């Protein structure tokens, strides 16, 4: 089986996404597709899966012209995809989502027992032990990602497209996925693998194609003998700029934010920590440790059941997210940018300005495009958001540019405390370096930052101190010495040694 895209062109209003892009997929191979955010990778995948039609160029399957009118056409031909942005129906069950195109029917009604049995088999393949009758909205981000992969497997694809499949899953889940991907390759499946994690690509893939600004700069090159530096230069046109570790500083005075013996409705207990102005406090833990849930509680999304939260040394009660933003000058960059970070159907200017609508509204409470543009334009320029204009819908932007918009709205709000959850998941190397510099710069200006990241090098480079969370408790604090070997060993030792009910230890 061979799928070939030759000299593909595709444009959207104000944006040329692809220009003479080419790709050849062969059965029995894992083929990497690489490039910066905005390079055209997702557009190419959407053409393969029938979401978009190319403006120019040809698509052939086994030398026969291929024209897809819809994703259903692609599925019928054995082409299936796991997209970077999840496409699950939240209030449907896991089984209904996995078998949506082929739900079993008995006497004119859906046979849920059979559907659950079939879904359970697909879940087993990806190592996910959950009840297929569970509503998808009850799952964690990592579990949703694995359900997406199980859904793709249910189609018995001849061509499987994986767009950032490991962005939201643990190392253990990644190993299960890679074992499965290699099995599918050995069975003759053609696999397209998109990832910004170079180590994954180098270890897993057989061939690689690289896009830059919508054009192919490396086509079907053998991965054997390929180096990290060669791939980076093909993607960005220059050598990699390494993550620069934040200079160690001493912090004095009253903490900007402090938690004392906090318990939450989400299940946390005895959580105590503080952040001072200008400090970046890291919060590390495996998926399900309770990090995101803790932030959601602090900003008023969930309830504090006991303990106290103090700001500038004074106990406070944060009743809602609006309360956190307007009264206590808090901001939250969510890990789920699609559903919580940005409004995809709104223009860039509105997304950036939304945190200050109350400030820029007229005396009648009206907000015009002019006021939004005055706020958004300098920030879009500062963050180098790639767009022809600020009227562009955020849904049309690449993942990296959507993340910049999510950050920009909190820069507009000029917050004192910023919670940042997985800031560079699915982000290309160039944008990742820029976001690291931005976070450092915000702290240097006096902002108190709580950083959640599952990227250990990122955590070690940015954080002044690192808290380790396990089972909704803080079990360890590491005074970061900016040495990866020391920090990673201390953090992982604490996690592996953790027992339910273990008390916090000092580094």
Protein backbone atom coordinates (compact mmCIF):
# COMPACT_ATOMS: atom_id res chain seq x y z
CA UNK A 1 0.00 0.00 0.00
CA UNK A 2 1.36 3.41 -0.99
CA UNK A 3 -0.22 6.83 -0.42
CA UNK A 4 1.44 9.71 -2.26
CA UNK A 5 0.77 13.45 -2.02
CA UNK A 6 2.64 15.41 -4.69
CA UNK A 7 3.08 19.20 -4.91
CA UNK A 8 0.07 19.92 -2.69
CA UNK A 9 -1.10 23.53 -2.36
CA UNK A 10 -3.74 24.78 0.09
CA UNK A 11 -4.77 28.31 1.11
CA UNK A 12 -7.18 29.75 3.65
CA UNK A 13 -8.29 33.40 3.89
CA UNK A 14 -5.06 35.37 4.30
CA UNK A 15 -2.92 32.27 4.86
CA UNK A 16 -1.07 29.96 2.45
CA UNK A 17 -0.86 26.78 4.51
CA UNK A 18 0.81 24.49 1.95
CA UNK A 19 2.92 25.25 -1.12
CA UNK A 20 4.17 22.31 -3.23
CA UNK A 21 4.24 20.02 -0.20
CA UNK A 22 4.96 16.35 -0.91
CA UNK A 23 4.76 13.15 1.14
CA UNK A 24 4.89 9.42 0.37
CA UNK A 25 3.62 6.82 2.86
CA UNK A 26 4.39 3.13 2.44
CA UNK A 27 2.83 0.14 4.17
CA UNK A 28 5.05 -1.39 6.83
CA UNK A 29 6.75 1.90 7.74
CA UNK A 30 6.52 4.48 10.51
CA UNK A 31 7.00 7.81 8.76
CA UNK A 32 7.65 10.96 10.79
CA UNK A 33 6.15 14.29 9.67
CA UNK A 34 7.92 17.19 11.33
CA UNK A 35 7.92 20.98 11.30
CA UNK A 36 7.23 24.01 13.44
CA UNK A 37 3.71 24.97 14.50
CA UNK A 38 2.18 26.56 11.42
CA UNK A 39 4.41 24.63 9.01
CA UNK A 40 1.38 22.88 7.50
CA UNK A 41 1.45 19.44 9.16
CA UNK A 42 -2.14 19.46 10.41
CA UNK A 43 -3.40 20.81 7.08
CA UNK A 44 -1.67 17.99 5.23
CA UNK A 45 -3.22 15.45 7.60
CA UNK A 46 -6.67 16.97 7.06
CA UNK A 47 -6.23 16.61 3.31
CA UNK A 48 -5.30 12.93 3.72
CA UNK A 49 -8.38 12.36 5.90
CA UNK A 50 -10.86 14.23 3.69
CA UNK A 51 -11.42 17.21 5.99
CA UNK A 52 -9.93 19.57 3.37
CA UNK A 53 -9.46 19.31 -0.37
CA UNK A 54 -6.19 20.49 -1.90
CA UNK A 55 -6.21 23.54 -4.16
CA UNK A 56 -3.50 22.02 -6.32
CA UNK A 57 -1.36 18.90 -6.61
CA UNK A 58 -2.32 15.23 -6.67
CA UNK A 59 -3.18 12.50 -4.16
CA UNK A 60 -2.89 8.84 -5.18
CA UNK A 61 -3.50 5.56 -3.37
CA UNK A 62 -1.66 2.62 -4.95
CA UNK A 63 -1.14 4.74 -8.12
CA UNK A 64 -4.89 5.45 -8.47
CA UNK A 65 -6.15 9.06 -8.12
CA UNK A 66 -7.78 9.63 -4.73
CA UNK A 67 -10.48 12.22 -4.11
CA UNK A 68 -12.05 12.35 -0.64
CA UNK A 69 -15.26 14.29 -0.06
CA UNK A 70 -15.38 13.71 3.70
CA UNK A 71 -13.67 11.94 6.63
CA UNK A 72 -16.16 9.09 6.20
CA UNK A 73 -14.77 8.48 2.71
CA UNK A 74 -11.29 8.24 4.23
CA UNK A 75 -12.40 5.81 6.94
CA UNK A 76 -14.13 3.63 4.31
CA UNK A 77 -10.81 3.41 2.44
CA UNK A 78 -8.91 2.47 5.61
CA UNK A 79 -7.49 5.88 6.49
CA UNK A 80 -7.84 6.84 10.17
CA UNK A 81 -6.39 9.65 12.29
CA UNK A 82 -5.81 10.67 15.87
CA UNK A 83 -5.76 14.47 15.77
CA UNK A 84 -3.83 16.71 18.14
CA UNK A 85 -7.06 18.37 19.30
CA UNK A 86 -9.40 15.72 20.67
CA UNK A 87 -12.57 14.92 18.71
CA UNK A 88 -14.60 13.03 21.29
CA UNK A 89 -18.22 13.67 22.28
CA UNK A 90 -18.06 14.48 26.03
CA UNK A 91 -21.52 13.19 27.05
CA UNK A 92 -21.26 9.96 25.04
CA UNK A 93 -19.77 6.88 26.65
CA UNK A 94 -16.30 5.62 25.85
CA UNK A 95 -17.83 2.74 23.86
CA UNK A 96 -20.10 5.06 21.88
CA UNK A 97 -17.14 7.28 20.98
CA UNK A 98 -14.93 4.37 19.92
CA UNK A 99 -17.60 2.68 17.79
CA UNK A 100 -19.44 5.80 16.62
CA UNK A 101 -19.22 4.80 12.94
CA UNK A 102 -20.18 1.17 13.55
CA UNK A 103 -22.30 0.80 16.68
CA UNK A 104 -23.81 -2.73 16.85
CA UNK A 105 -27.60 -2.87 16.54
CA UNK A 106 -30.08 -5.48 17.76
CA UNK A 107 -33.81 -5.33 16.96
CA UNK A 108 -33.41 -1.78 15.75
CA UNK A 109 -31.72 -0.59 18.96
CA UNK A 110 -28.08 -0.12 19.92
CA UNK A 111 -26.73 -3.28 21.54
CA UNK A 112 -24.81 -1.64 24.39
CA UNK A 113 -23.61 -4.92 25.90
CA UNK A 114 -21.94 -5.89 22.64
CA UNK A 115 -20.66 -2.34 22.12
CA UNK A 116 -19.04 -2.36 25.55
CA UNK A 117 -17.46 -5.77 24.90
CA UNK A 118 -16.02 -4.59 21.55
CA UNK A 119 -14.79 -1.31 23.03
CA UNK A 120 -13.17 -3.12 25.96
CA UNK A 121 -11.08 -5.14 23.47
CA UNK A 122 -9.83 -1.95 21.76
CA UNK A 123 -9.10 -0.38 25.15
CA UNK A 124 -7.10 -3.44 26.12
CA UNK A 125 -4.85 -2.91 23.08
CA UNK A 126 -3.86 0.54 24.35
CA UNK A 127 -3.49 -0.61 27.96
CA UNK A 128 -6.47 1.36 29.29
CA UNK A 129 -8.48 -0.36 32.04
CA UNK A 130 -11.68 1.69 32.31
CA UNK A 131 -15.39 0.94 32.11
CA UNK A 132 -16.51 1.45 28.47
CA UNK A 133 -19.84 2.77 29.77
CA UNK A 134 -18.11 5.78 31.40
CA UNK A 135 -18.95 9.17 29.91
CA UNK A 136 -15.89 10.66 28.20
CA UNK A 137 -16.24 13.93 30.13
CA UNK A 138 -15.40 12.00 33.31
CA UNK A 139 -11.96 11.00 31.99
CA UNK A 140 -8.60 12.67 32.45
CA UNK A 141 -6.88 14.31 29.49
CA UNK A 142 -4.47 11.35 29.24
CA UNK A 143 -7.33 8.84 29.26
CA UNK A 144 -9.14 10.78 26.53
CA UNK A 145 -6.01 10.62 24.39
CA UNK A 146 -5.84 6.84 24.74
CA UNK A 147 -9.56 6.56 23.87
CA UNK A 148 -8.85 8.54 20.67
CA UNK A 149 -6.16 6.01 19.76
CA UNK A 150 -8.47 3.07 20.56
CA UNK A 151 -11.11 4.68 18.32
CA UNK A 152 -8.65 4.88 15.43
CA UNK A 153 -7.69 1.22 15.92
CA UNK A 154 -11.36 0.20 15.75
CA UNK A 155 -11.41 1.29 12.09
CA UNK A 156 -8.81 -1.37 11.19
CA UNK A 157 -6.87 1.27 9.32
CA UNK A 158 -4.44 0.57 6.49
CA UNK A 159 -3.14 4.11 6.98
CA UNK A 160 -2.93 5.44 10.56
CA UNK A 161 -2.12 9.11 11.19
CA UNK A 162 -0.99 10.04 14.71
CA UNK A 163 -0.80 13.79 15.39
CA UNK A 164 1.08 14.45 18.68
CA UNK A 165 -0.27 11.22 20.25
CA UNK A 166 2.03 11.36 23.30
CA UNK A 167 1.47 15.01 24.22
CA UNK A 168 -0.88 14.21 27.13
CA UNK A 169 0.10 10.71 28.23
CA UNK A 170 2.61 9.30 30.69
CA UNK A 171 5.90 7.59 29.86
CA UNK A 172 4.36 4.21 30.71
CA UNK A 173 1.40 4.84 28.40
CA UNK A 174 3.82 6.02 25.70
CA UNK A 175 5.71 2.72 25.89
CA UNK A 176 2.44 0.81 25.45
CA UNK A 177 1.54 2.99 22.46
CA UNK A 178 4.95 2.55 20.81
CA UNK A 179 4.79 -1.23 21.23
CA UNK A 180 1.39 -1.17 19.53
CA UNK A 181 2.59 1.13 16.73
CA UNK A 182 5.52 -1.18 15.98
CA UNK A 183 3.14 -4.17 15.89
CA UNK A 184 0.89 -2.37 13.40
CA UNK A 185 3.90 -1.49 11.25
CA UNK A 186 5.02 -5.12 11.21
CA UNK A 187 1.49 -6.10 10.10
CA UNK A 188 1.83 -3.80 7.07
CA UNK A 189 0.08 -0.63 8.27
CA UNK A 190 1.39 2.68 6.95
CA UNK A 191 1.83 5.01 9.94
CA UNK A 192 2.37 8.77 9.86
CA UNK A 193 3.73 9.99 13.19
CA UNK A 194 3.73 13.69 14.09
CA UNK A 195 5.62 14.78 17.20
CA UNK A 196 7.74 17.67 18.47
CA UNK A 197 9.62 15.23 20.72
CA UNK A 198 12.75 14.58 18.69
CA UNK A 199 13.94 11.68 20.84
CA UNK A 200 10.66 9.85 20.14
CA UNK A 201 10.95 10.41 16.41
CA UNK A 202 14.58 9.31 16.25
CA UNK A 203 13.94 6.10 18.19
CA UNK A 204 10.58 5.09 16.65
CA UNK A 205 10.42 6.15 13.02
CA UNK A 206 11.83 4.62 9.83
CA UNK A 207 11.65 7.66 7.54
CA UNK A 208 11.03 11.40 7.93
CA UNK A 209 9.53 14.27 5.94
CA UNK A 210 9.97 17.86 7.15
CA UNK A 211 7.80 20.89 6.32
CA UNK A 212 8.83 24.52 6.72
CA UNK A 213 6.40 27.34 5.90
CA UNK A 214 4.20 24.91 3.98
CA UNK A 215 7.00 23.52 1.80
CA UNK A 216 8.88 20.22 1.97
CA UNK A 217 12.50 20.68 3.04
CA UNK A 218 13.23 16.99 3.63
CA UNK A 219 11.25 14.27 1.84
CA UNK A 220 11.18 10.64 2.94
CA UNK A 221 14.73 10.61 4.27
CA UNK A 222 15.87 7.44 6.03
CA UNK A 223 15.99 7.88 9.80
CA UNK A 224 19.05 5.66 10.09
CA UNK A 225 22.00 7.97 10.67
CA UNK A 226 19.77 11.03 11.13
CA UNK A 227 20.78 13.43 13.90
CA UNK A 228 18.79 15.76 16.10
CA UNK A 229 20.67 18.73 14.65
CA UNK A 230 19.89 17.77 11.04
CA UNK A 231 16.16 17.58 11.83
CA UNK A 232 16.16 20.91 13.66
CA UNK A 233 17.95 22.72 10.85
CA UNK A 234 15.49 21.26 8.32
CA UNK A 235 12.59 22.50 10.48
CA UNK A 236 13.73 26.00 11.42
CA UNK A 237 16.59 26.77 9.06
CA UNK A 238 19.17 27.17 11.81
CA UNK A 239 20.71 25.38 14.79
CA UNK A 240 18.73 24.77 17.98
CA UNK A 241 18.74 27.42 20.68
CA UNK A 242 19.04 25.51 23.97
CA UNK A 243 16.86 26.12 27.01
CA UNK A 244 18.72 28.62 29.18
CA UNK A 245 18.47 27.76 32.86
CA UNK A 246 17.05 30.53 35.04
CA UNK A 247 19.69 32.18 37.22
CA UNK A 248 19.36 31.30 40.90
CA UNK A 249 17.98 34.08 43.09
CA UNK A 250 17.14 34.61 46.73
CA UNK A 251 13.63 35.77 47.62
CA UNK A 252 12.67 37.63 50.75
CA UNK A 253 9.61 39.26 52.24
CA UNK A 254 6.01 38.18 52.68
CA UNK A 255 4.90 35.48 50.21
CA UNK A 256 2.61 36.70 47.46
CA UNK A 257 0.57 33.50 47.74
CA UNK A 258 0.58 30.95 50.55
CA UNK A 259 -1.46 27.84 51.26
CA UNK A 260 -1.62 26.52 54.83
CA UNK A 261 -2.89 22.96 55.46
CA UNK A 262 -5.37 23.16 52.59
CA UNK A 263 -7.79 20.33 51.83
CA UNK A 264 -10.10 20.39 48.83
CA UNK A 265 -13.29 18.82 47.54
CA UNK A 266 -11.17 17.29 44.77
CA UNK A 267 -9.33 15.17 47.37
CA UNK A 268 -6.23 17.13 48.40
CA UNK A 269 -5.14 17.13 52.01
CA UNK A 270 -2.57 18.99 54.11
CA UNK A 271 -1.26 21.08 51.18
CA UNK A 272 1.11 23.83 52.28
CA UNK A 273 3.44 25.96 50.16
CA UNK A 274 4.23 29.58 49.29
CA UNK A 275 5.36 31.64 46.30
CA UNK A 276 7.11 34.99 46.55
CA UNK A 277 7.08 37.81 44.01
CA UNK A 278 9.42 37.12 41.12
CA UNK A 279 9.64 33.40 41.91
CA UNK A 280 8.79 30.45 39.67
CA UNK A 281 7.55 27.53 41.77
CA UNK A 282 7.41 24.21 39.91
CA UNK A 283 4.76 21.58 40.61
CA UNK A 284 5.75 18.16 39.27
CA UNK A 285 3.95 14.84 39.39
CA UNK A 286 2.72 12.00 37.25
CA UNK A 287 -0.62 12.21 35.44
CA UNK A 288 -3.40 11.95 38.05
CA UNK A 289 -1.31 13.34 40.92
CA UNK A 290 -3.77 16.21 41.45
CA UNK A 291 -1.74 19.18 40.15
CA UNK A 292 -4.33 20.69 37.81
CA UNK A 293 -7.12 20.06 40.31
CA UNK A 294 -5.18 22.04 42.93
CA UNK A 295 -4.87 25.08 40.67
CA UNK A 296 -8.56 24.90 39.78
CA UNK A 297 -9.34 25.00 43.49
CA UNK A 298 -7.09 28.00 44.17
CA UNK A 299 -8.75 30.04 41.40
CA UNK A 300 -12.25 29.28 42.66
CA UNK A 301 -13.40 26.50 40.31
CA UNK A 302 -13.53 23.93 43.14
CA UNK A 303 -14.02 24.18 46.89
CA UNK A 304 -11.48 24.51 49.68
CA UNK A 305 -12.84 22.36 52.51
CA UNK A 306 -10.30 23.33 55.19
CA UNK A 307 -7.11 25.30 55.66
CA UNK A 308 -6.35 28.83 54.53
CA UNK A 309 -5.17 30.67 51.42
CA UNK A 310 -3.26 33.90 52.01
CA UNK A 311 -2.33 36.67 49.59
CA UNK A 312 0.26 39.19 50.75
CA UNK A 313 -0.01 37.68 54.24
CA UNK A 314 -3.78 38.11 54.57
CA UNK A 315 -6.31 35.23 54.56
CA UNK A 316 -8.65 35.37 51.57
CA UNK A 317 -11.68 33.49 50.29
CA UNK A 318 -11.78 33.10 46.52
CA UNK A 319 -15.39 32.43 45.57
CA UNK A 320 -15.13 32.18 41.78
CA UNK A 321 -12.80 32.50 38.81
CA UNK A 322 -14.09 36.05 38.28
CA UNK A 323 -13.20 36.75 41.90
CA UNK A 324 -9.68 35.38 41.37
CA UNK A 325 -9.13 37.57 38.30
CA UNK A 326 -10.76 40.83 39.36
CA UNK A 327 -10.08 40.96 43.12
CA UNK A 328 -6.87 38.98 43.48
CA UNK A 329 -5.22 39.50 40.07
CA UNK A 330 -4.73 35.81 39.31
CA UNK A 331 -4.42 34.25 35.85
CA UNK A 332 -4.57 30.65 34.63
CA UNK A 333 -3.04 29.29 31.42
CA UNK A 334 -4.89 25.97 31.08
CA UNK A 335 -3.33 22.79 29.67
CA UNK A 336 -6.55 22.36 27.65
CA UNK A 337 -6.19 25.40 25.40
CA UNK A 338 -8.91 24.23 22.99
CA UNK A 339 -11.68 24.18 25.61
CA UNK A 340 -10.42 26.49 28.38
CA UNK A 341 -7.54 28.56 27.02
CA UNK A 342 -9.09 30.22 23.97
CA UNK A 343 -12.44 30.62 22.21
CA UNK A 344 -11.80 29.06 18.82
CA UNK A 345 -14.73 30.72 17.05
CA UNK A 346 -13.72 34.26 18.15
CA UNK A 347 -11.07 36.50 16.57
CA UNK A 348 -7.61 36.92 18.04
CA UNK A 349 -8.33 40.47 19.24
CA UNK A 350 -11.33 39.33 21.33
CA UNK A 351 -9.44 36.40 22.85
CA UNK A 352 -6.55 38.61 23.97
CA UNK A 353 -8.78 41.39 25.26
CA UNK A 354 -11.38 39.23 27.05
CA UNK A 355 -9.66 39.49 30.45
CA UNK A 356 -9.96 43.30 30.34
CA UNK A 357 -13.40 43.71 28.80
CA UNK A 358 -14.66 45.32 32.00
CA UNK A 359 -11.83 47.85 31.85
CA UNK A 360 -12.14 48.81 28.17
CA UNK A 361 -15.95 48.86 27.90
CA UNK A 362 -17.70 52.16 27.21
CA UNK A 363 -19.90 53.86 29.80
CA UNK A 364 -22.82 51.94 28.30
CA UNK A 365 -20.97 48.65 28.75
CA UNK A 366 -20.30 48.21 25.04
CA UNK A 367 -17.05 46.81 23.68
CA UNK A 368 -15.94 47.69 20.17
CA UNK A 369 -13.33 46.17 17.90
CA UNK A 370 -11.25 49.33 18.21
CA UNK A 371 -10.82 49.00 21.97
CA UNK A 372 -9.92 45.32 21.60
CA UNK A 373 -7.38 46.05 18.87
CA UNK A 374 -5.73 48.76 20.98
CA UNK A 375 -5.16 46.17 23.73
CA UNK A 376 -4.35 43.17 21.54
CA UNK A 377 -2.08 44.63 18.84
CA UNK A 378 1.06 45.32 20.92
CA UNK A 379 0.78 41.95 22.67
CA UNK A 380 0.33 40.05 19.40
CA UNK A 381 3.42 41.83 18.12
CA UNK A 382 5.37 41.13 21.32
CA UNK A 383 4.54 37.40 21.25
CA UNK A 384 5.09 37.16 17.47
CA UNK A 385 1.69 35.58 16.81
CA UNK A 386 1.77 34.47 13.17
CA UNK A 387 -1.39 35.79 11.51
CA UNK A 388 -2.29 38.12 8.62
CA UNK A 389 -4.43 40.20 11.01
CA UNK A 390 -6.14 40.08 14.39
CA UNK A 391 -9.55 39.39 12.83
CA UNK A 392 -8.38 35.83 12.15
CA UNK A 393 -10.36 33.24 14.12
CA UNK A 394 -8.21 31.54 16.76
CA UNK A 395 -9.44 28.16 15.51
CA UNK A 396 -7.52 28.79 12.27
CA UNK A 397 -4.19 29.23 14.09
CA UNK A 398 -1.58 26.56 14.75
CA UNK A 399 -1.34 25.06 18.24
CA UNK A 400 1.72 27.17 19.08
CA UNK A 401 0.03 30.40 18.09
CA UNK A 402 -3.11 29.45 20.02
CA UNK A 403 -0.89 29.01 23.09
CA UNK A 404 0.59 32.47 22.55
CA UNK A 405 -2.94 33.92 22.43
CA UNK A 406 -3.76 32.10 25.68
CA UNK A 407 -0.71 33.71 27.32
CA UNK A 408 -1.37 37.12 25.78
CA UNK A 409 -4.75 37.52 27.46
CA UNK A 410 -3.09 37.25 30.88
CA UNK A 411 -0.39 39.73 29.90
CA UNK A 412 -3.25 42.08 28.98
CA UNK A 413 -4.78 41.53 32.43
CA UNK A 414 -1.43 42.40 34.08
CA UNK A 415 -1.91 39.77 36.79
CA UNK A 416 0.26 39.42 39.91
CA UNK A 417 -0.05 35.63 40.18
CA UNK A 418 0.00 33.35 37.15
CA UNK A 419 -0.69 29.60 37.10
CA UNK A 420 0.73 27.95 33.97
CA UNK A 421 -0.29 24.36 33.24
CA UNK A 422 1.82 22.45 30.67
CA UNK A 423 2.78 25.57 28.66
CA UNK A 424 4.63 23.83 25.81
CA UNK A 425 2.70 20.61 25.13
CA UNK A 426 2.54 20.14 21.36
CA UNK A 427 4.70 23.24 20.78
CA UNK A 428 7.59 23.37 18.32
CA UNK A 429 11.21 23.97 19.36
CA UNK A 430 11.39 27.61 18.31
CA UNK A 431 8.12 28.60 20.02
CA UNK A 432 9.03 26.56 23.10
CA UNK A 433 12.25 28.56 23.55
CA UNK A 434 10.29 31.79 23.16
CA UNK A 435 7.71 30.78 25.78
CA UNK A 436 10.51 29.85 28.21
CA UNK A 437 12.05 33.30 27.76
CA UNK A 438 8.64 34.90 28.25
CA UNK A 439 8.00 33.02 31.52
CA UNK A 440 11.43 34.00 32.84
CA UNK A 441 10.81 37.60 31.83
CA UNK A 442 7.46 37.73 33.65
CA UNK A 443 9.08 36.45 36.84
CA UNK A 444 11.92 38.95 36.48
CA UNK A 445 9.29 41.72 36.45
CA UNK A 446 7.90 40.50 39.78
CA UNK A 447 5.13 38.10 38.84
CA UNK A 448 4.63 35.07 41.12
CA UNK A 449 4.35 31.98 38.91
CA UNK A 450 3.25 28.44 39.67
CA UNK A 451 4.38 26.17 36.82
CA UNK A 452 3.03 22.70 36.12
CA UNK A 453 5.06 20.74 33.59
CA UNK A 454 5.61 17.07 32.84
CA UNK A 455 8.69 18.05 30.80
CA UNK A 456 11.52 17.47 33.28
CA UNK A 457 14.20 19.52 31.43
CA UNK A 458 11.71 22.40 31.20
CA UNK A 459 10.95 22.19 34.91
CA UNK A 460 14.61 22.09 35.90
CA UNK A 461 15.49 25.00 33.60
CA UNK A 462 12.67 27.31 34.77
CA UNK A 463 11.72 26.60 38.39
CA UNK A 464 13.44 28.07 41.46
CA UNK A 465 11.96 25.39 43.70
CA UNK A 466 10.13 22.21 42.70
CA UNK A 467 7.28 20.64 44.66
CA UNK A 468 6.44 16.99 43.97
CA UNK A 469 2.80 15.93 44.18
CA UNK A 470 1.60 12.36 44.51
CA UNK A 471 -1.93 11.16 45.26
CA UNK A 472 -3.15 14.75 45.88
CA UNK A 473 -0.48 15.47 48.51
CA UNK A 474 2.83 17.31 48.37
CA UNK A 475 5.44 14.72 49.26
CA UNK A 476 8.71 16.48 48.50
CA UNK A 477 10.28 19.90 47.96
CA UNK A 478 13.47 20.26 45.95
CA UNK A 479 15.56 23.44 46.08
CA UNK A 480 16.48 23.49 42.41
CA UNK A 481 20.22 23.57 41.69
CA UNK A 482 19.60 23.74 37.90
CA UNK A 483 21.41 20.42 37.46
CA UNK A 484 19.22 17.96 35.57
CA UNK A 485 20.79 14.80 36.96
CA UNK A 486 20.45 15.95 40.57
CA UNK A 487 16.92 17.29 40.24
CA UNK A 488 15.48 14.43 38.19
CA UNK A 489 16.95 11.82 40.54
CA UNK A 490 15.55 13.53 43.65
CA UNK A 491 12.11 14.02 42.09
CA UNK A 492 11.71 10.51 40.70
CA UNK A 493 13.06 8.94 43.91
CA UNK A 494 10.39 10.79 45.87
CA UNK A 495 7.64 9.65 43.49
CA UNK A 496 8.70 5.99 43.48
CA UNK A 497 9.05 5.94 47.27
CA UNK A 498 5.67 7.59 47.87
CA UNK A 499 3.03 5.73 49.81
CA UNK A 500 -0.58 6.88 50.40
CA UNK A 501 -0.56 9.12 53.46
CA UNK A 502 3.18 9.83 53.28
CA UNK A 503 4.11 13.19 54.73
CA UNK A 504 6.10 15.91 53.02
CA UNK A 505 9.88 15.67 53.11
CA UNK A 506 12.55 18.26 52.60
CA UNK A 507 15.25 17.99 49.98
